[in-house]
Amino acid sequence: MTISLAIDTSTSRTIVAIIDEGKVLFESFHEGATEHGFAITELVTQALAVCPKPDQVVVGMGPGPFTGLRVGITFARSFALARDIPVMGTCSLDAIAIDKSEYTVAIDARRKEIYWASYKDGVRVAGPSVNKPAEVADFFFDVYPDVQKLVTLSHSQNETEPMYLRRPDAVPTAERT
């Protein structure tokens, strides 16, 4: 029996859940693209009231906004380190549940772009990538990762680095071109 604390901050929504072998014991979210840092502590506190000792942490590794990903990934890694439990990372786009055999998912990348990936029978066949919406307008899109699927995917993949598909806006002056 593995109880997972699942965290995703790859969109404007901070999502936290407790999943026990596929069963959702707790799930909640906070909407706010600039409030991940505030929201994650509140949501995890609520989750731990339901299950105070998760066996692992599963975190969405993006793609997504630089700051949002940093908040979620850093929190997940720190929490896991403090409790001496494993942390598993997975592609957030892979966790968007769709009941079709072929589909594409996308999330807002800001700057009038989207992060997207295409799937066939649940397996990623293209992406993740970043494009203008018009360039992939014929694809079907959903919006938010499914935390239950995030945990399921952690068994088959363990991403260890955030999926930044472009350079961050904030860089030291010496690095700007």
C-alpha atoms as a PDB file:
ATOM      1  CA  MET A   1       0.000   0.000   0.000  1.00  0.00           C
ATOM      2  CA  THR A   2       1.524   3.325  -1.123  1.00  0.00           C
ATOM      3  CA  ILE A   3      -0.003   6.605  -0.055  1.00  0.00           C
ATOM      4  CA  SER A   4       1.067   9.529  -2.244  1.00  0.00           C
ATOM      5  CA  LEU A   5       1.019  13.247  -1.658  1.00  0.00           C
ATOM      6  CA  ALA A   6       0.470  14.591  -5.196  1.00  0.00           C
ATOM      7  CA  ILE A   7       1.353  18.191  -6.093  1.00  0.00           C
ATOM      8  CA  ASP A   8       1.048  20.072  -9.378  1.00  0.00           C
ATOM      9  CA  THR A   9       1.788  23.757  -9.983  1.00  0.00           C
ATOM     10  CA  SER A  10       2.261  23.675 -13.759  1.00  0.00           C
ATOM     11  CA  THR A  11      -0.827  25.797 -14.466  1.00  0.00           C
ATOM     12  CA  SER A  12      -2.532  28.741 -12.776  1.00  0.00           C
ATOM     13  CA  ARG A  13      -4.062  26.157 -10.451  1.00  0.00           C
ATOM     14  CA  THR A  14      -2.175  24.748  -7.452  1.00  0.00           C
ATOM     15  CA  ILE A  15      -3.419  21.163  -7.028  1.00  0.00           C
ATOM     16  CA  VAL A  16      -2.754  18.929  -4.005  1.00  0.00           C
ATOM     17  CA  ALA A  17      -4.112  15.456  -3.314  1.00  0.00           C
ATOM     18  CA  ILE A  18      -3.648  12.361  -1.192  1.00  0.00           C
ATOM     19  CA  ILE A  19      -3.950   9.184  -3.279  1.00  0.00           C
ATOM     20  CA  ASP A  20      -3.970   5.695  -1.749  1.00  0.00           C
ATOM     21  CA  GLU A  21      -3.436   3.013  -4.416  1.00  0.00           C
ATOM     22  CA  GLY A  22      -5.660   4.820  -6.923  1.00  0.00           C
ATOM     23  CA  LYS A  23      -8.262   5.995  -4.415  1.00  0.00           C
ATOM     24  CA  VAL A  24      -8.509   9.753  -3.852  1.00  0.00           C
ATOM     25  CA  LEU A  25      -8.591  10.439  -0.102  1.00  0.00           C
ATOM     26  CA  PHE A  26      -8.217  14.213  -0.482  1.00  0.00           C
ATOM     27  CA  GLU A  27      -8.089  16.581  -3.430  1.00  0.00           C
ATOM     28  CA  SER A  28      -8.244  20.350  -3.502  1.00  0.00           C
ATOM     29  CA  PHE A  29      -6.958  23.238  -5.569  1.00  0.00           C
ATOM     30  CA  HIS A  30      -6.428  26.969  -5.450  1.00  0.00           C
ATOM     31  CA  GLU A  31      -6.845  29.152  -8.524  1.00  0.00           C
ATOM     32  CA  GLY A  32      -4.249  31.901  -8.827  1.00  0.00           C
ATOM     33  CA  ALA A  33      -1.268  32.078 -11.163  1.00  0.00           C
ATOM     34  CA  THR A  34       0.787  34.158  -8.724  1.00  0.00           C
ATOM     35  CA  GLU A  35      -0.316  32.441  -5.512  1.00  0.00           C
ATOM     36  CA  HIS A  36       1.351  29.017  -5.704  1.00  0.00           C
ATOM     37  CA  GLY A  37       3.631  29.724  -2.717  1.00  0.00           C
ATOM     38  CA  PHE A  38       0.754  30.729  -0.482  1.00  0.00           C
ATOM     39  CA  ALA A  39      -1.630  28.065  -1.722  1.00  0.00           C
ATOM     40  CA  ILE A  40       0.662  25.048  -1.534  1.00  0.00           C
ATOM     41  CA  THR A  41       1.238  25.318   2.221  1.00  0.00           C
ATOM     42  CA  GLU A  42      -2.475  25.731   2.896  1.00  0.00           C
ATOM     43  CA  LEU A  43      -3.463  22.819   0.661  1.00  0.00           C
ATOM     44  CA  VAL A  44      -0.776  20.467   1.985  1.00  0.00           C
ATOM     45  CA  THR A  45      -1.804  21.296   5.560  1.00  0.00           C
ATOM     46  CA  GLN A  46      -5.372  20.301   4.664  1.00  0.00           C
ATOM     47  CA  ALA A  47      -4.139  17.127   2.957  1.00  0.00           C
ATOM     48  CA  LEU A  48      -2.026  16.106   5.952  1.00  0.00           C
ATOM     49  CA  ALA A  49      -5.070  16.459   8.206  1.00  0.00           C
ATOM     50  CA  VAL A  50      -6.567  13.578   6.183  1.00  0.00           C
ATOM     51  CA  CYS A  51      -3.363  11.517   6.015  1.00  0.00           C
ATOM     52  CA  PRO A  52      -0.407  12.758   8.080  1.00  0.00           C
ATOM     53  CA  LYS A  53       2.186  10.233   6.824  1.00  0.00           C
ATOM     54  CA  PRO A  54       2.323   9.805   3.045  1.00  0.00           C
ATOM     55  CA  ASP A  55       4.792   7.201   1.739  1.00  0.00           C
ATOM     56  CA  GLN A  56       5.951   9.287  -1.221  1.00  0.00           C
ATOM     57  CA  VAL A  57       5.540  12.645  -2.930  1.00  0.00           C
ATOM     58  CA  VAL A  58       4.575  12.823  -6.609  1.00  0.00           C
ATOM     59  CA  VAL A  59       5.083  16.165  -8.330  1.00  0.00           C
ATOM     60  CA  GLY A  60       4.226  17.515 -11.763  1.00  0.00           C
ATOM     61  CA  MET A  61       7.472  18.565 -13.469  1.00  0.00           C
ATOM     62  CA  GLY A  62       5.853  20.709 -16.134  1.00  0.00           C
ATOM     63  CA  PRO A  63       6.036  22.077 -18.655  1.00  0.00           C
ATOM     64  CA  GLY A  64       4.740  25.230 -17.065  1.00  0.00           C
ATOM     65  CA  PRO A  65       5.675  28.703 -15.867  1.00  0.00           C
ATOM     66  CA  PHE A  66       9.148  28.918 -14.312  1.00  0.00           C
ATOM     67  CA  THR A  67       8.071  30.288 -10.925  1.00  0.00           C
ATOM     68  CA  GLY A  68       5.060  28.018 -10.546  1.00  0.00           C
ATOM     69  CA  LEU A  69       7.136  24.923 -11.277  1.00  0.00           C
ATOM     70  CA  ARG A  70       9.902  26.039  -8.925  1.00  0.00           C
ATOM     71  CA  VAL A  71       7.416  26.458  -6.071  1.00  0.00           C
ATOM     72  CA  GLY A  72       5.839  23.025  -6.501  1.00  0.00           C
ATOM     73  CA  ILE A  73       9.036  21.100  -7.209  1.00  0.00           C
ATOM     74  CA  THR A  74      11.014  22.760  -4.418  1.00  0.00           C
ATOM     75  CA  PHE A  75       8.202  22.171  -1.944  1.00  0.00           C
ATOM     76  CA  ALA A  76       7.882  18.515  -2.986  1.00  0.00           C
ATOM     77  CA  ARG A  77      11.626  17.866  -2.775  1.00  0.00           C
ATOM     78  CA  SER A  78      11.952  19.639   0.587  1.00  0.00           C
ATOM     79  CA  PHE A  79       8.940  17.850   2.061  1.00  0.00           C
ATOM     80  CA  ALA A  80      10.243  14.464   0.899  1.00  0.00           C
ATOM     81  CA  LEU A  81      13.751  15.173   2.180  1.00  0.00           C
ATOM     82  CA  ALA A  82      12.468  16.260   5.597  1.00  0.00           C
ATOM     83  CA  ARG A  83      10.405  13.075   5.919  1.00  0.00           C
ATOM     84  CA  ASP A  84      12.949  10.765   4.296  1.00  0.00           C
ATOM     85  CA  ILE A  85      10.475   9.568   1.665  1.00  0.00           C
ATOM     86  CA  PRO A  86      10.932   9.342  -2.105  1.00  0.00           C
ATOM     87  CA  VAL A  87       9.855  12.079  -4.490  1.00  0.00           C
ATOM     88  CA  MET A  88       8.725  11.096  -7.988  1.00  0.00           C
ATOM     89  CA  GLY A  89       8.373  13.546 -10.867  1.00  0.00           C
ATOM     90  CA  THR A  90       6.148  13.153 -13.883  1.00  0.00           C
ATOM     91  CA  CYS A  91       5.173  15.197 -16.952  1.00  0.00           C
ATOM     92  CA  SER A  92       2.143  17.306 -16.037  1.00  0.00           C
ATOM     93  CA  LEU A  93       0.722  17.060 -19.555  1.00  0.00           C
ATOM     94  CA  ASP A  94       0.723  13.264 -19.231  1.00  0.00           C
ATOM     95  CA  ALA A  95      -1.567  13.606 -16.219  1.00  0.00           C
ATOM     96  CA  ILE A  96      -4.393  15.344 -18.046  1.00  0.00           C
ATOM     97  CA  ALA A  97      -6.983  12.595 -18.293  1.00  0.00           C
ATOM     98  CA  ILE A  98      -8.714  12.129 -21.643  1.00  0.00           C
ATOM     99  CA  ASP A  99     -11.011   9.243 -22.556  1.00  0.00           C
ATOM    100  CA  LYS A 100     -10.045   9.092 -26.234  1.00  0.00           C
ATOM    101  CA  SER A 101      -7.558   6.894 -28.046  1.00  0.00           C
ATOM    102  CA  GLU A 102      -5.857   9.836 -29.798  1.00  0.00           C
ATOM    103  CA  TYR A 103      -5.720  13.300 -28.323  1.00  0.00           C
ATOM    104  CA  THR A 104      -3.650  16.388 -27.622  1.00  0.00           C
ATOM    105  CA  VAL A 105      -3.509  18.284 -24.352  1.00  0.00           C
ATOM    106  CA  ALA A 106      -2.343  21.834 -23.787  1.00  0.00           C
ATOM    107  CA  ILE A 107      -1.866  24.350 -21.029  1.00  0.00           C
ATOM    108  CA  ASP A 108      -1.312  28.101 -21.120  1.00  0.00           C
ATOM    109  CA  ALA A 109       2.355  28.986 -21.597  1.00  0.00           C
ATOM    110  CA  ARG A 110       1.670  32.721 -21.454  1.00  0.00           C
ATOM    111  CA  ARG A 111       3.102  35.050 -24.113  1.00  0.00           C
ATOM    112  CA  LYS A 112       0.229  33.912 -26.375  1.00  0.00           C
ATOM    113  CA  GLU A 113       1.660  30.376 -26.517  1.00  0.00           C
ATOM    114  CA  ILE A 114       0.693  26.930 -25.222  1.00  0.00           C
ATOM    115  CA  TYR A 115       2.582  23.916 -23.922  1.00  0.00           C
ATOM    116  CA  TRP A 116       1.205  20.780 -25.582  1.00  0.00           C
ATOM    117  CA  ALA A 117       1.731  17.067 -26.144  1.00  0.00           C
ATOM    118  CA  SER A 118      -0.072  14.463 -28.296  1.00  0.00           C
ATOM    119  CA  TYR A 119      -1.028  10.967 -27.165  1.00  0.00           C
ATOM    120  CA  LYS A 120      -2.169   7.704 -28.703  1.00  0.00           C
ATOM    121  CA  ASP A 121      -3.685   5.059 -26.432  1.00  0.00           C
ATOM    122  CA  GLY A 122      -2.296   6.834 -23.371  1.00  0.00           C
ATOM    123  CA  VAL A 123       1.300   7.032 -24.642  1.00  0.00           C
ATOM    124  CA  ARG A 124       2.924  10.360 -25.519  1.00  0.00           C
ATOM    125  CA  VAL A 125       3.776  10.403 -29.248  1.00  0.00           C
ATOM    126  CA  ALA A 126       4.681  14.092 -29.727  1.00  0.00           C
ATOM    127  CA  GLY A 127       5.915  16.836 -27.431  1.00  0.00           C
ATOM    128  CA  PRO A 128       5.987  18.281 -24.968  1.00  0.00           C
ATOM    129  CA  SER A 129       6.480  21.409 -27.029  1.00  0.00           C
ATOM    130  CA  VAL A 130       5.611  25.100 -27.007  1.00  0.00           C
ATOM    131  CA  ASN A 131       3.769  26.798 -29.903  1.00  0.00           C
ATOM    132  CA  LYS A 132       1.292  29.497 -30.824  1.00  0.00           C
ATOM    133  CA  PRO A 133      -2.294  28.156 -30.543  1.00  0.00           C
ATOM    134  CA  ALA A 134      -2.937  28.685 -34.269  1.00  0.00           C
ATOM    135  CA  GLU A 135      -0.087  26.293 -35.093  1.00  0.00           C
ATOM    136  CA  VAL A 136      -1.882  23.409 -33.338  1.00  0.00           C
ATOM    137  CA  ALA A 137      -5.485  24.606 -33.601  1.00  0.00           C
ATOM    138  CA  ASP A 138      -6.819  21.322 -34.980  1.00  0.00           C
ATOM    139  CA  PHE A 139      -5.972  19.381 -31.811  1.00  0.00           C
ATOM    140  CA  PHE A 140      -8.310  18.668 -28.887  1.00  0.00           C
ATOM    141  CA  PHE A 141      -7.347  20.323 -25.596  1.00  0.00           C
ATOM    142  CA  ASP A 142      -8.066  19.851 -21.892  1.00  0.00           C
ATOM    143  CA  VAL A 143      -6.873  22.165 -19.161  1.00  0.00           C
ATOM    144  CA  TYR A 144      -5.685  20.732 -15.828  1.00  0.00           C
ATOM    145  CA  PRO A 145      -3.618  17.697 -14.801  1.00  0.00           C
ATOM    146  CA  ASP A 146      -5.463  14.841 -13.083  1.00  0.00           C
ATOM    147  CA  VAL A 147      -3.608  14.202  -9.806  1.00  0.00           C
ATOM    148  CA  GLN A 148      -4.722  10.583  -9.650  1.00  0.00           C
ATOM    149  CA  LYS A 149      -3.160   9.976 -13.054  1.00  0.00           C
ATOM    150  CA  LEU A 150      -0.060  11.914 -11.932  1.00  0.00           C
ATOM    151  CA  VAL A 151       0.444   9.313  -9.192  1.00  0.00           C
ATOM    152  CA  THR A 152      -0.247   6.403 -11.553  1.00  0.00           C
ATOM    153  CA  LEU A 153       2.291   7.750 -14.036  1.00  0.00           C
ATOM    154  CA  SER A 154       4.937   8.068 -11.339  1.00  0.00           C
ATOM    155  CA  HIS A 155       5.246   4.268 -11.373  1.00  0.00           C
ATOM    156  CA  SER A 156       6.451   4.298 -14.985  1.00  0.00           C
ATOM    157  CA  GLN A 157       8.350   7.576 -15.164  1.00  0.00           C
ATOM    158  CA  ASN A 158      10.359   9.638 -12.762  1.00  0.00           C
ATOM    159  CA  GLU A 159      11.287  12.982 -14.237  1.00  0.00           C
ATOM    160  CA  THR A 160      14.071  14.564 -12.229  1.00  0.00           C
ATOM    161  CA  GLU A 161      14.283  17.965 -13.905  1.00  0.00           C
ATOM    162  CA  PRO A 162      11.601  20.598 -14.498  1.00  0.00           C
ATOM    163  CA  MET A 163      10.385  20.770 -18.092  1.00  0.00           C
ATOM    164  CA  TYR A 164      11.193  24.340 -19.054  1.00  0.00           C
ATOM    165  CA  LEU A 165      10.591  24.567 -22.782  1.00  0.00           C
ATOM    166  CA  ARG A 166      12.005  28.073 -23.071  1.00  0.00           C
ATOM    167  CA  ARG A 167      14.347  30.341 -21.147  1.00  0.00           C
ATOM    168  CA  PRO A 168      12.934  32.167 -18.106  1.00  0.00           C
ATOM    169  CA  ASP A 169      12.010  35.837 -18.409  1.00  0.00           C
ATOM    170  CA  ALA A 170      14.000  36.690 -15.293  1.00  0.00           C
ATOM    171  CA  VAL A 171      17.739  36.276 -15.858  1.00  0.00           C
ATOM    172  CA  PRO A 172      20.779  38.096 -14.466  1.00  0.00           C
ATOM    173  CA  THR A 173      21.651  41.188 -16.507  1.00  0.00           C
ATOM    174  CA  ALA A 174      24.960  39.646 -17.640  1.00  0.00           C
ATOM    175  CA  GLU A 175      23.087  36.753 -19.287  1.00  0.00           C
ATOM    176  CA  ARG A 176      20.658  38.889 -21.306  1.00  0.00           C
ATOM    177  CA  THR A 177      21.321  39.138 -25.021  1.00  0.00           C
END
